[in-house]
Amino acid sequence: MPDRRPPPLSNGHKRLRLGWGFSRNGFHATSMDHVIAATGMSSSAVYRYFRSKDDLIDAAADEALVLVRDLFERLMERRPTPSPSEVLTAMTAEARDRGEGQSYDLTRIAIQAWGEALRSSELEARTRAFYLAVRDSLAELARRWHDEGITPPQADPEQIATVLMTLMPGLLVGRHLVAPVAAEQLIGGLGSLASALDGSPDS
């Protein structure tokens, strides 16, 4: 099946990206007329780049997914290897601060993209592949912790990667629907939970 997605946004299309009302009004409450008005571009110019609203939603969702990937790529590039506490601190900071002072908030778009992936089979497939790749990167980070003696010898890198990947959506939901989560809360809570699990009958 041919790839129907529009090409990645170039610097020349920043006005279009910055004009998206999705982060404020959602995908389905934002019409193409709203997008066109926000960009200050002609309708023909917008439709040359995005053939439909679905194309624009796909582009917005893809960019929001990159939010998660970029964070973990930066952490993987750091030397020495960031500790688990440093990684959790970076995750909470990203969830808390992303979008502050900007025209739109990718973390809000990311939450909407998860729902959209349940409607669109193409976006669902891309989203699944994306998060599986992120989990692979996190498993590599966990293997580095293992090799450097940061985690116990019996620690399973795949299990650690699953926990880290699962935390990020919860941090975004906390920011927008409950209350932002502080790094100290997350680290303290995980530490207490780990202690409780260590003392469980099944351990």
N, C-alpha and C. Protein backbone atom coordinates (compact mmCIF):
# COMPACT_ATOMS: atom_id res chain seq x y z
N MET A 1 0.85 -1.20 0.00
CA MET A 1 0.00 0.00 0.00
C MET A 1 0.88 1.25 0.00
N PRO A 2 0.64 2.20 -0.90
CA PRO A 2 1.48 3.39 -0.93
C PRO A 2 1.33 4.22 0.32
N ASP A 3 2.39 4.88 0.69
CA ASP A 3 2.39 5.73 1.88
C ASP A 3 1.67 7.03 1.54
N ARG A 4 0.52 7.29 2.22
CA ARG A 4 -0.28 8.48 1.93
C ARG A 4 0.10 9.66 2.80
N ARG A 5 1.03 9.48 3.68
CA ARG A 5 1.36 10.58 4.59
C ARG A 5 2.05 11.72 3.84
N PRO A 6 1.80 12.96 4.25
CA PRO A 6 2.54 14.06 3.66
C PRO A 6 3.98 14.03 4.10
N PRO A 7 4.88 14.67 3.36
CA PRO A 7 6.28 14.70 3.77
C PRO A 7 6.44 15.45 5.07
N PRO A 8 7.55 15.21 5.80
CA PRO A 8 7.78 15.93 7.05
C PRO A 8 7.76 17.43 6.83
N LEU A 9 7.32 18.16 7.84
CA LEU A 9 7.26 19.61 7.72
C LEU A 9 8.66 20.19 7.64
N SER A 10 8.87 21.04 6.66
CA SER A 10 10.15 21.71 6.50
C SER A 10 10.10 23.05 7.21
N ASN A 11 11.24 23.71 7.28
CA ASN A 11 11.28 25.02 7.92
C ASN A 11 10.33 25.99 7.23
N GLY A 12 10.13 25.81 5.93
CA GLY A 12 9.25 26.70 5.19
C GLY A 12 7.79 26.54 5.54
N HIS A 13 7.46 25.48 6.30
CA HIS A 13 6.07 25.26 6.68
C HIS A 13 5.85 25.44 8.17
N LYS A 14 6.76 26.15 8.83
CA LYS A 14 6.61 26.35 10.27
C LYS A 14 5.33 27.10 10.59
N ARG A 15 4.96 28.07 9.75
CA ARG A 15 3.75 28.82 10.05
C ARG A 15 2.54 27.90 10.07
N LEU A 16 2.55 26.92 9.16
CA LEU A 16 1.45 25.97 9.12
C LEU A 16 1.42 25.14 10.39
N ARG A 17 2.59 24.65 10.81
CA ARG A 17 2.66 23.83 12.01
C ARG A 17 2.25 24.63 13.23
N LEU A 18 2.75 25.84 13.33
CA LEU A 18 2.45 26.66 14.50
C LEU A 18 1.00 27.09 14.55
N GLY A 19 0.32 27.06 13.39
CA GLY A 19 -1.08 27.47 13.36
C GLY A 19 -2.05 26.39 13.75
N TRP A 20 -1.57 25.17 13.95
CA TRP A 20 -2.50 24.08 14.27
C TRP A 20 -3.28 24.39 15.56
N GLY A 21 -4.61 24.23 15.48
CA GLY A 21 -5.44 24.42 16.65
C GLY A 21 -5.71 23.13 17.39
N PHE A 22 -5.07 22.04 16.95
CA PHE A 22 -5.38 20.74 17.52
C PHE A 22 -5.09 20.67 19.01
N SER A 23 -4.01 21.29 19.45
CA SER A 23 -3.65 21.14 20.86
C SER A 23 -4.67 21.81 21.77
N ARG A 24 -5.39 22.79 21.24
CA ARG A 24 -6.36 23.51 22.07
C ARG A 24 -7.78 22.94 21.90
N ASN A 25 -8.17 22.66 20.64
CA ASN A 25 -9.56 22.30 20.35
C ASN A 25 -9.76 20.83 19.98
N GLY A 26 -8.68 20.09 19.81
CA GLY A 26 -8.82 18.69 19.42
C GLY A 26 -8.88 18.53 17.92
N PHE A 27 -8.70 17.28 17.49
CA PHE A 27 -8.67 17.00 16.06
C PHE A 27 -10.01 17.30 15.38
N HIS A 28 -11.08 16.87 15.99
CA HIS A 28 -12.35 16.89 15.27
C HIS A 28 -13.12 18.20 15.45
N ALA A 29 -12.77 18.99 16.44
CA ALA A 29 -13.40 20.30 16.60
C ALA A 29 -12.66 21.38 15.81
N THR A 30 -11.51 21.03 15.24
CA THR A 30 -10.73 21.98 14.45
C THR A 30 -10.97 21.69 12.98
N SER A 31 -11.53 22.64 12.28
CA SER A 31 -11.82 22.45 10.85
C SER A 31 -10.65 22.92 10.01
N MET A 32 -10.66 22.53 8.75
CA MET A 32 -9.64 23.02 7.82
C MET A 32 -9.72 24.53 7.69
N ASP A 33 -10.93 25.09 7.77
CA ASP A 33 -11.06 26.55 7.71
C ASP A 33 -10.32 27.20 8.88
N HIS A 34 -10.41 26.59 10.07
CA HIS A 34 -9.67 27.11 11.22
C HIS A 34 -8.17 27.07 10.96
N VAL A 35 -7.70 25.95 10.41
CA VAL A 35 -6.27 25.79 10.14
C VAL A 35 -5.81 26.83 9.12
N ILE A 36 -6.58 26.96 8.05
CA ILE A 36 -6.20 27.90 6.99
C ILE A 36 -6.15 29.33 7.53
N ALA A 37 -7.15 29.69 8.34
CA ALA A 37 -7.18 31.04 8.90
C ALA A 37 -6.00 31.28 9.82
N ALA A 38 -5.63 30.27 10.60
CA ALA A 38 -4.55 30.43 11.56
C ALA A 38 -3.20 30.58 10.87
N THR A 39 -3.03 29.95 9.71
CA THR A 39 -1.74 30.00 9.04
C THR A 39 -1.51 31.31 8.29
N GLY A 40 -2.62 31.98 7.90
CA GLY A 40 -2.46 33.16 7.06
C GLY A 40 -2.12 32.83 5.63
N MET A 41 -2.20 31.54 5.28
CA MET A 41 -1.92 31.10 3.91
C MET A 41 -3.24 30.94 3.16
N SER A 42 -3.17 30.91 1.84
CA SER A 42 -4.36 30.69 1.04
C SER A 42 -4.80 29.24 1.15
N SER A 43 -6.07 28.99 0.91
CA SER A 43 -6.57 27.62 0.98
C SER A 43 -5.88 26.73 -0.05
N SER A 44 -5.60 27.27 -1.23
CA SER A 44 -4.93 26.46 -2.25
C SER A 44 -3.52 26.08 -1.81
N ALA A 45 -2.83 26.97 -1.11
CA ALA A 45 -1.48 26.66 -0.63
C ALA A 45 -1.52 25.55 0.42
N VAL A 46 -2.50 25.62 1.33
CA VAL A 46 -2.62 24.59 2.35
C VAL A 46 -2.97 23.25 1.73
N TYR A 47 -3.90 23.25 0.78
CA TYR A 47 -4.33 21.98 0.18
C TYR A 47 -3.28 21.39 -0.75
N ARG A 48 -2.35 22.19 -1.21
CA ARG A 48 -1.25 21.63 -1.99
C ARG A 48 -0.35 20.78 -1.10
N TYR A 49 -0.27 21.16 0.17
CA TYR A 49 0.60 20.44 1.09
C TYR A 49 -0.14 19.32 1.81
N PHE A 50 -1.35 19.59 2.26
CA PHE A 50 -2.19 18.60 2.94
C PHE A 50 -3.47 18.44 2.14
N ARG A 51 -3.69 17.28 1.56
CA ARG A 51 -4.83 17.07 0.68
C ARG A 51 -6.15 17.01 1.43
N SER A 52 -6.10 16.72 2.71
CA SER A 52 -7.32 16.59 3.49
C SER A 52 -7.00 16.84 4.96
N LYS A 53 -8.05 16.94 5.75
CA LYS A 53 -7.87 17.08 7.19
C LYS A 53 -7.21 15.84 7.77
N ASP A 54 -7.55 14.67 7.23
CA ASP A 54 -6.92 13.44 7.73
C ASP A 54 -5.41 13.47 7.53
N ASP A 55 -4.94 14.03 6.42
CA ASP A 55 -3.50 14.16 6.21
C ASP A 55 -2.88 15.05 7.27
N LEU A 56 -3.58 16.12 7.61
CA LEU A 56 -3.07 17.05 8.62
C LEU A 56 -3.05 16.38 10.00
N ILE A 57 -4.09 15.60 10.31
CA ILE A 57 -4.13 14.86 11.58
C ILE A 57 -2.97 13.87 11.64
N ASP A 58 -2.73 13.16 10.54
CA ASP A 58 -1.62 12.20 10.51
C ASP A 58 -0.29 12.89 10.79
N ALA A 59 -0.08 14.05 10.16
CA ALA A 59 1.18 14.76 10.35
C ALA A 59 1.32 15.24 11.79
N ALA A 60 0.22 15.73 12.37
CA ALA A 60 0.26 16.19 13.76
C ALA A 60 0.54 15.02 14.70
N ALA A 61 -0.10 13.89 14.46
CA ALA A 61 0.10 12.72 15.31
C ALA A 61 1.53 12.22 15.22
N ASP A 62 2.07 12.18 14.01
CA ASP A 62 3.45 11.72 13.83
C ASP A 62 4.43 12.62 14.56
N GLU A 63 4.20 13.92 14.49
CA GLU A 63 5.12 14.84 15.17
C GLU A 63 5.03 14.68 16.68
N ALA A 64 3.81 14.41 17.18
CA ALA A 64 3.66 14.21 18.62
C ALA A 64 4.37 12.94 19.08
N LEU A 65 4.37 11.91 18.26
CA LEU A 65 5.07 10.68 18.62
C LEU A 65 6.58 10.93 18.75
N VAL A 66 7.09 11.79 17.90
CA VAL A 66 8.52 12.08 17.93
C VAL A 66 8.93 12.70 19.26
N LEU A 67 7.98 13.33 19.93
CA LEU A 67 8.24 13.91 21.26
C LEU A 67 8.86 12.88 22.20
N VAL A 68 8.28 11.69 22.22
CA VAL A 68 8.77 10.64 23.11
C VAL A 68 10.12 10.11 22.63
N ARG A 69 10.23 9.87 21.33
CA ARG A 69 11.46 9.32 20.79
C ARG A 69 12.65 10.23 21.04
N ASP A 70 12.46 11.53 20.82
CA ASP A 70 13.57 12.47 20.97
C ASP A 70 14.09 12.50 22.40
N LEU A 71 13.19 12.41 23.37
CA LEU A 71 13.61 12.42 24.76
C LEU A 71 14.55 11.26 25.04
N PHE A 72 14.15 10.06 24.66
CA PHE A 72 14.95 8.89 24.99
C PHE A 72 16.22 8.80 24.13
N GLU A 73 16.18 9.35 22.92
CA GLU A 73 17.40 9.39 22.12
C GLU A 73 18.44 10.29 22.78
N ARG A 74 17.99 11.42 23.32
CA ARG A 74 18.93 12.31 24.01
C ARG A 74 19.53 11.61 25.22
N LEU A 75 18.71 10.87 25.94
CA LEU A 75 19.22 10.16 27.12
C LEU A 75 20.20 9.07 26.72
N MET A 76 19.94 8.38 25.60
CA MET A 76 20.83 7.32 25.15
C MET A 76 22.19 7.86 24.74
N GLU A 77 22.21 9.10 24.26
CA GLU A 77 23.47 9.70 23.79
C GLU A 77 24.34 10.20 24.92
N ARG A 78 23.80 10.33 26.10
CA ARG A 78 24.56 10.91 27.21
C ARG A 78 25.61 9.94 27.73
N ARG A 79 26.76 10.51 28.07
CA ARG A 79 27.84 9.75 28.72
C ARG A 79 28.35 10.57 29.90
N PRO A 80 28.51 10.00 31.08
CA PRO A 80 28.20 8.60 31.38
C PRO A 80 26.70 8.32 31.30
N THR A 81 26.35 7.06 31.33
CA THR A 81 24.95 6.66 31.23
C THR A 81 24.14 7.30 32.35
N PRO A 82 23.04 7.99 32.03
CA PRO A 82 22.22 8.57 33.10
C PRO A 82 21.63 7.48 33.98
N SER A 83 21.56 7.75 35.25
CA SER A 83 21.04 6.78 36.21
C SER A 83 19.53 6.66 36.06
N PRO A 84 18.93 5.62 36.63
CA PRO A 84 17.47 5.53 36.62
C PRO A 84 16.78 6.77 37.18
N SER A 85 17.31 7.31 38.25
CA SER A 85 16.71 8.53 38.82
C SER A 85 16.81 9.70 37.86
N GLU A 86 17.93 9.82 37.17
CA GLU A 86 18.08 10.90 36.19
C GLU A 86 17.13 10.73 35.01
N VAL A 87 16.91 9.50 34.60
CA VAL A 87 15.96 9.24 33.51
C VAL A 87 14.55 9.60 33.94
N LEU A 88 14.16 9.19 35.14
CA LEU A 88 12.82 9.51 35.63
C LEU A 88 12.65 11.02 35.81
N THR A 89 13.70 11.71 36.23
CA THR A 89 13.65 13.17 36.36
C THR A 89 13.47 13.82 35.00
N ALA A 90 14.18 13.32 33.99
CA ALA A 90 14.05 13.86 32.64
C ALA A 90 12.65 13.62 32.08
N MET A 91 12.08 12.46 32.36
CA MET A 91 10.73 12.15 31.89
C MET A 91 9.70 13.08 32.51
N THR A 92 9.79 13.30 33.81
CA THR A 92 8.82 14.19 34.46
C THR A 92 8.98 15.62 33.98
N ALA A 93 10.22 16.06 33.75
CA ALA A 93 10.45 17.42 33.26
C ALA A 93 9.89 17.58 31.86
N GLU A 94 10.07 16.56 31.01
CA GLU A 94 9.54 16.63 29.63
C GLU A 94 8.02 16.72 29.65
N ALA A 95 7.39 15.88 30.46
CA ALA A 95 5.93 15.89 30.54
C ALA A 95 5.41 17.19 31.12
N ARG A 96 6.15 17.79 32.04
CA ARG A 96 5.70 19.01 32.70
C ARG A 96 5.93 20.25 31.86
N ASP A 97 7.07 20.33 31.20
CA ASP A 97 7.51 21.59 30.60
C ASP A 97 7.28 21.69 29.10
N ARG A 98 7.09 20.58 28.42
CA ARG A 98 6.95 20.63 26.97
C ARG A 98 5.73 21.48 26.59
N GLY A 99 5.93 22.42 25.69
CA GLY A 99 4.85 23.29 25.23
C GLY A 99 4.72 24.59 25.98
N GLU A 100 5.42 24.73 27.11
CA GLU A 100 5.34 25.98 27.86
C GLU A 100 5.90 27.13 27.03
N GLY A 101 5.11 28.19 26.90
CA GLY A 101 5.56 29.37 26.17
C GLY A 101 5.54 29.20 24.66
N GLN A 102 4.99 28.09 24.16
CA GLN A 102 4.92 27.88 22.72
C GLN A 102 3.50 28.04 22.22
N SER A 103 3.35 28.12 20.90
CA SER A 103 2.04 28.35 20.32
C SER A 103 1.13 27.14 20.43
N TYR A 104 1.70 25.97 20.55
CA TYR A 104 0.89 24.77 20.69
C TYR A 104 1.65 23.76 21.53
N ASP A 105 0.92 22.80 22.06
CA ASP A 105 1.49 21.86 23.02
C ASP A 105 1.43 20.45 22.44
N LEU A 106 2.58 19.90 22.11
CA LEU A 106 2.63 18.57 21.52
C LEU A 106 2.16 17.49 22.49
N THR A 107 2.26 17.71 23.79
CA THR A 107 1.82 16.69 24.72
C THR A 107 0.30 16.51 24.66
N ARG A 108 -0.43 17.59 24.43
CA ARG A 108 -1.88 17.48 24.26
C ARG A 108 -2.20 16.74 22.97
N ILE A 109 -1.44 17.04 21.92
CA ILE A 109 -1.65 16.36 20.65
C ILE A 109 -1.33 14.87 20.79
N ALA A 110 -0.31 14.53 21.58
CA ALA A 110 0.05 13.13 21.78
C ALA A 110 -1.11 12.35 22.39
N ILE A 111 -1.78 12.92 23.39
CA ILE A 111 -2.92 12.26 24.01
C ILE A 111 -4.03 12.04 22.99
N GLN A 112 -4.31 13.05 22.18
CA GLN A 112 -5.34 12.92 21.16
C GLN A 112 -4.95 11.89 20.09
N ALA A 113 -3.66 11.80 19.82
CA ALA A 113 -3.19 10.86 18.79
C ALA A 113 -3.44 9.42 19.22
N TRP A 114 -3.35 9.14 20.53
CA TRP A 114 -3.62 7.77 20.98
C TRP A 114 -5.06 7.39 20.65
N GLY A 115 -6.00 8.31 20.91
CA GLY A 115 -7.40 8.03 20.58
C GLY A 115 -7.61 7.89 19.09
N GLU A 116 -6.93 8.74 18.33
CA GLU A 116 -7.06 8.68 16.87
C GLU A 116 -6.53 7.37 16.32
N ALA A 117 -5.49 6.82 16.96
CA ALA A 117 -4.92 5.54 16.51
C ALA A 117 -5.92 4.40 16.66
N LEU A 118 -6.89 4.53 17.56
CA LEU A 118 -7.92 3.51 17.71
C LEU A 118 -8.95 3.59 16.59
N ARG A 119 -9.01 4.74 15.92
CA ARG A 119 -9.96 4.93 14.82
C ARG A 119 -9.34 4.60 13.47
N SER A 120 -8.06 4.92 13.32
CA SER A 120 -7.37 4.77 12.03
C SER A 120 -6.42 3.58 12.09
N SER A 121 -6.66 2.59 11.25
CA SER A 121 -5.79 1.40 11.26
C SER A 121 -4.38 1.74 10.82
N GLU A 122 -4.24 2.68 9.88
CA GLU A 122 -2.90 3.07 9.42
C GLU A 122 -2.12 3.74 10.54
N LEU A 123 -2.77 4.66 11.25
CA LEU A 123 -2.10 5.34 12.36
C LEU A 123 -1.84 4.36 13.50
N GLU A 124 -2.74 3.43 13.73
CA GLU A 124 -2.53 2.42 14.76
C GLU A 124 -1.26 1.62 14.48
N ALA A 125 -1.10 1.19 13.23
CA ALA A 125 0.08 0.39 12.88
C ALA A 125 1.36 1.20 13.06
N ARG A 126 1.34 2.46 12.63
CA ARG A 126 2.54 3.30 12.77
C ARG A 126 2.84 3.56 14.24
N THR A 127 1.78 3.80 15.03
CA THR A 127 1.97 4.08 16.45
C THR A 127 2.54 2.86 17.18
N ARG A 128 2.01 1.69 16.86
CA ARG A 128 2.52 0.47 17.50
C ARG A 128 3.99 0.25 17.15
N ALA A 129 4.32 0.38 15.87
CA ALA A 129 5.71 0.20 15.45
C ALA A 129 6.62 1.22 16.13
N PHE A 130 6.13 2.43 16.29
CA PHE A 130 6.91 3.50 16.92
C PHE A 130 7.22 3.15 18.37
N TYR A 131 6.20 2.74 19.12
CA TYR A 131 6.42 2.46 20.53
C TYR A 131 7.22 1.18 20.74
N LEU A 132 7.11 0.23 19.84
CA LEU A 132 7.96 -0.95 19.95
C LEU A 132 9.42 -0.58 19.76
N ALA A 133 9.69 0.36 18.83
CA ALA A 133 11.06 0.82 18.63
C ALA A 133 11.57 1.59 19.84
N VAL A 134 10.69 2.40 20.45
CA VAL A 134 11.07 3.12 21.68
C VAL A 134 11.38 2.13 22.79
N ARG A 135 10.58 1.07 22.91
CA ARG A 135 10.83 0.07 23.94
C ARG A 135 12.17 -0.63 23.71
N ASP A 136 12.52 -0.87 22.45
CA ASP A 136 13.82 -1.48 22.15
C ASP A 136 14.96 -0.56 22.62
N SER A 137 14.81 0.73 22.40
CA SER A 137 15.84 1.68 22.84
C SER A 137 15.96 1.69 24.36
N LEU A 138 14.81 1.63 25.03
CA LEU A 138 14.84 1.62 26.49
C LEU A 138 15.45 0.33 27.02
N ALA A 139 15.22 -0.78 26.32
CA ALA A 139 15.84 -2.04 26.73
C ALA A 139 17.36 -1.95 26.60
N GLU A 140 17.82 -1.26 25.58
CA GLU A 140 19.27 -1.07 25.42
C GLU A 140 19.82 -0.23 26.57
N LEU A 141 19.07 0.80 26.96
CA LEU A 141 19.48 1.61 28.12
C LEU A 141 19.54 0.75 29.38
N ALA A 142 18.54 -0.12 29.56
CA ALA A 142 18.51 -0.99 30.73
C ALA A 142 19.66 -2.00 30.70
N ARG A 143 20.04 -2.44 29.52
CA ARG A 143 21.19 -3.35 29.42
C ARG A 143 22.48 -2.63 29.82
N ARG A 144 22.59 -1.36 29.49
CA ARG A 144 23.75 -0.59 29.93
C ARG A 144 23.77 -0.48 31.45
N TRP A 145 22.60 -0.27 32.05
CA TRP A 145 22.55 -0.24 33.52
C TRP A 145 23.02 -1.57 34.09
N HIS A 146 22.59 -2.65 33.46
CA HIS A 146 22.98 -3.98 33.94
C HIS A 146 24.49 -4.17 33.83
N ASP A 147 25.05 -3.81 32.66
CA ASP A 147 26.48 -4.00 32.43
C ASP A 147 27.34 -3.14 33.35
N GLU A 148 26.80 -1.99 33.75
CA GLU A 148 27.55 -1.07 34.62
C GLU A 148 27.27 -1.33 36.09
N GLY A 149 26.49 -2.36 36.39
CA GLY A 149 26.22 -2.71 37.77
C GLY A 149 25.23 -1.80 38.47
N ILE A 150 24.46 -1.03 37.71
CA ILE A 150 23.49 -0.11 38.31
C ILE A 150 22.25 -0.85 38.76
N THR A 151 21.83 -1.84 37.98
CA THR A 151 20.68 -2.66 38.35
C THR A 151 21.16 -4.03 38.81
N PRO A 152 20.36 -4.75 39.57
CA PRO A 152 20.78 -6.07 40.09
C PRO A 152 21.06 -7.06 38.95
N PRO A 153 21.89 -8.04 39.20
CA PRO A 153 22.23 -9.02 38.16
C PRO A 153 21.01 -9.73 37.58
N GLN A 154 19.98 -9.94 38.40
CA GLN A 154 18.81 -10.67 37.93
C GLN A 154 17.81 -9.78 37.20
N ALA A 155 18.07 -8.49 37.11
CA ALA A 155 17.12 -7.57 36.47
C ALA A 155 16.96 -7.89 34.99
N ASP A 156 15.73 -7.84 34.52
CA ASP A 156 15.41 -8.12 33.12
C ASP A 156 15.28 -6.80 32.37
N PRO A 157 16.18 -6.50 31.41
CA PRO A 157 16.11 -5.23 30.69
C PRO A 157 14.77 -5.01 29.97
N GLU A 158 14.17 -6.07 29.46
CA GLU A 158 12.89 -5.92 28.76
C GLU A 158 11.79 -5.50 29.73
N GLN A 159 11.81 -6.03 30.94
CA GLN A 159 10.82 -5.63 31.93
C GLN A 159 11.00 -4.17 32.34
N ILE A 160 12.25 -3.77 32.52
CA ILE A 160 12.54 -2.36 32.87
C ILE A 160 12.07 -1.44 31.75
N ALA A 161 12.33 -1.83 30.51
CA ALA A 161 11.92 -1.02 29.36
C ALA A 161 10.40 -0.88 29.32
N THR A 162 9.69 -1.95 29.61
CA THR A 162 8.23 -1.90 29.61
C THR A 162 7.71 -0.93 30.67
N VAL A 163 8.32 -0.95 31.85
CA VAL A 163 7.90 -0.04 32.91
C VAL A 163 8.13 1.42 32.50
N LEU A 164 9.30 1.72 31.96
CA LEU A 164 9.61 3.10 31.58
C LEU A 164 8.68 3.59 30.48
N MET A 165 8.43 2.74 29.48
CA MET A 165 7.57 3.16 28.38
C MET A 165 6.14 3.38 28.87
N THR A 166 5.70 2.56 29.83
CA THR A 166 4.34 2.68 30.34
C THR A 166 4.16 3.94 31.19
N LEU A 167 5.23 4.43 31.78
CA LEU A 167 5.13 5.61 32.64
C LEU A 167 4.81 6.89 31.85
N MET A 168 5.34 7.01 30.65
CA MET A 168 5.23 8.28 29.92
C MET A 168 3.78 8.68 29.66
N PRO A 169 2.91 7.78 29.17
CA PRO A 169 1.51 8.20 29.00
C PRO A 169 0.87 8.65 30.31
N GLY A 170 1.18 7.97 31.41
CA GLY A 170 0.63 8.37 32.70
C GLY A 170 1.08 9.75 33.12
N LEU A 171 2.31 10.10 32.82
CA LEU A 171 2.81 11.44 33.16
C LEU A 171 2.06 12.52 32.38
N LEU A 172 1.75 12.23 31.11
CA LEU A 172 1.02 13.21 30.30
C LEU A 172 -0.43 13.34 30.77
N VAL A 173 -1.05 12.22 31.10
CA VAL A 173 -2.41 12.27 31.63
C VAL A 173 -2.43 13.03 32.96
N GLY A 174 -1.42 12.78 33.80
CA GLY A 174 -1.34 13.50 35.06
C GLY A 174 -1.26 15.00 34.86
N ARG A 175 -0.44 15.42 33.91
CA ARG A 175 -0.28 16.86 33.68
C ARG A 175 -1.58 17.51 33.24
N HIS A 176 -2.29 16.88 32.34
CA HIS A 176 -3.44 17.55 31.72
C HIS A 176 -4.78 17.23 32.38
N LEU A 177 -4.88 16.11 33.09
CA LEU A 177 -6.18 15.72 33.62
C LEU A 177 -6.22 15.59 35.14
N VAL A 178 -5.08 15.48 35.79
CA VAL A 178 -5.07 15.34 37.25
C VAL A 178 -4.21 16.44 37.86
N ALA A 179 -2.91 16.20 37.90
CA ALA A 179 -1.95 17.18 38.40
C ALA A 179 -0.57 16.74 37.94
N PRO A 180 0.30 17.70 37.60
CA PRO A 180 1.66 17.32 37.19
C PRO A 180 2.34 16.48 38.25
N VAL A 181 3.11 15.51 37.81
CA VAL A 181 3.82 14.61 38.73
C VAL A 181 5.25 15.09 38.89
N ALA A 182 5.70 15.27 40.12
CA ALA A 182 7.07 15.67 40.39
C ALA A 182 7.98 14.46 40.35
N ALA A 183 9.25 14.69 40.00
CA ALA A 183 10.20 13.59 39.95
C ALA A 183 10.32 12.89 41.30
N GLU A 184 10.28 13.68 42.39
CA GLU A 184 10.40 13.09 43.72
C GLU A 184 9.24 12.15 44.02
N GLN A 185 8.03 12.52 43.56
CA GLN A 185 6.87 11.65 43.75
C GLN A 185 7.05 10.33 43.01
N LEU A 186 7.49 10.44 41.76
CA LEU A 186 7.62 9.24 40.94
C LEU A 186 8.71 8.33 41.48
N ILE A 187 9.87 8.90 41.80
CA ILE A 187 10.99 8.10 42.29
C ILE A 187 10.65 7.48 43.64
N GLY A 188 10.06 8.28 44.54
CA GLY A 188 9.70 7.77 45.85
C GLY A 188 8.64 6.68 45.77
N GLY A 189 7.64 6.89 44.92
CA GLY A 189 6.58 5.90 44.79
C GLY A 189 7.07 4.59 44.20
N LEU A 190 7.91 4.68 43.18
CA LEU A 190 8.45 3.46 42.58
C LEU A 190 9.36 2.72 43.57
N GLY A 191 10.14 3.50 44.34
CA GLY A 191 11.00 2.86 45.33
C GLY A 191 10.20 2.13 46.39
N SER A 192 9.12 2.77 46.87
CA SER A 192 8.28 2.13 47.89
C SER A 192 7.59 0.90 47.31
N LEU A 193 7.13 1.01 46.09
CA LEU A 193 6.46 -0.14 45.46
C LEU A 193 7.44 -1.30 45.28
N ALA A 194 8.68 -0.97 44.85
CA ALA A 194 9.68 -2.02 44.67
C ALA A 194 9.98 -2.73 45.99
N SER A 195 10.04 -1.95 47.08
CA SER A 195 10.28 -2.56 48.40
C SER A 195 9.15 -3.48 48.80
N ALA A 196 7.93 -3.05 48.50
CA ALA A 196 6.77 -3.88 48.83
C ALA A 196 6.75 -5.15 48.00
N LEU A 197 7.12 -5.04 46.74
CA LEU A 197 7.16 -6.22 45.87
C LEU A 197 8.24 -7.19 46.31
N ASP A 198 9.36 -6.65 46.78
CA ASP A 198 10.46 -7.51 47.26
C ASP A 198 10.02 -8.35 48.45
N GLY A 199 9.08 -7.81 49.24
CA GLY A 199 8.64 -8.54 50.42
C GLY A 199 7.37 -9.34 50.22
N SER A 200 6.89 -9.41 48.98
CA SER A 200 5.64 -10.13 48.71
C SER A 200 5.87 -11.62 48.73
N PRO A 201 4.82 -12.42 48.98
CA PRO A 201 4.98 -13.88 49.01
C PRO A 201 5.44 -14.47 47.70
N ASP A 202 5.14 -13.76 46.56
CA ASP A 202 5.50 -14.29 45.25
C ASP A 202 6.91 -13.95 44.84
N SER A 203 7.63 -13.14 45.64
CA SER A 203 8.96 -12.70 45.24
C SER A 203 10.00 -13.80 45.44
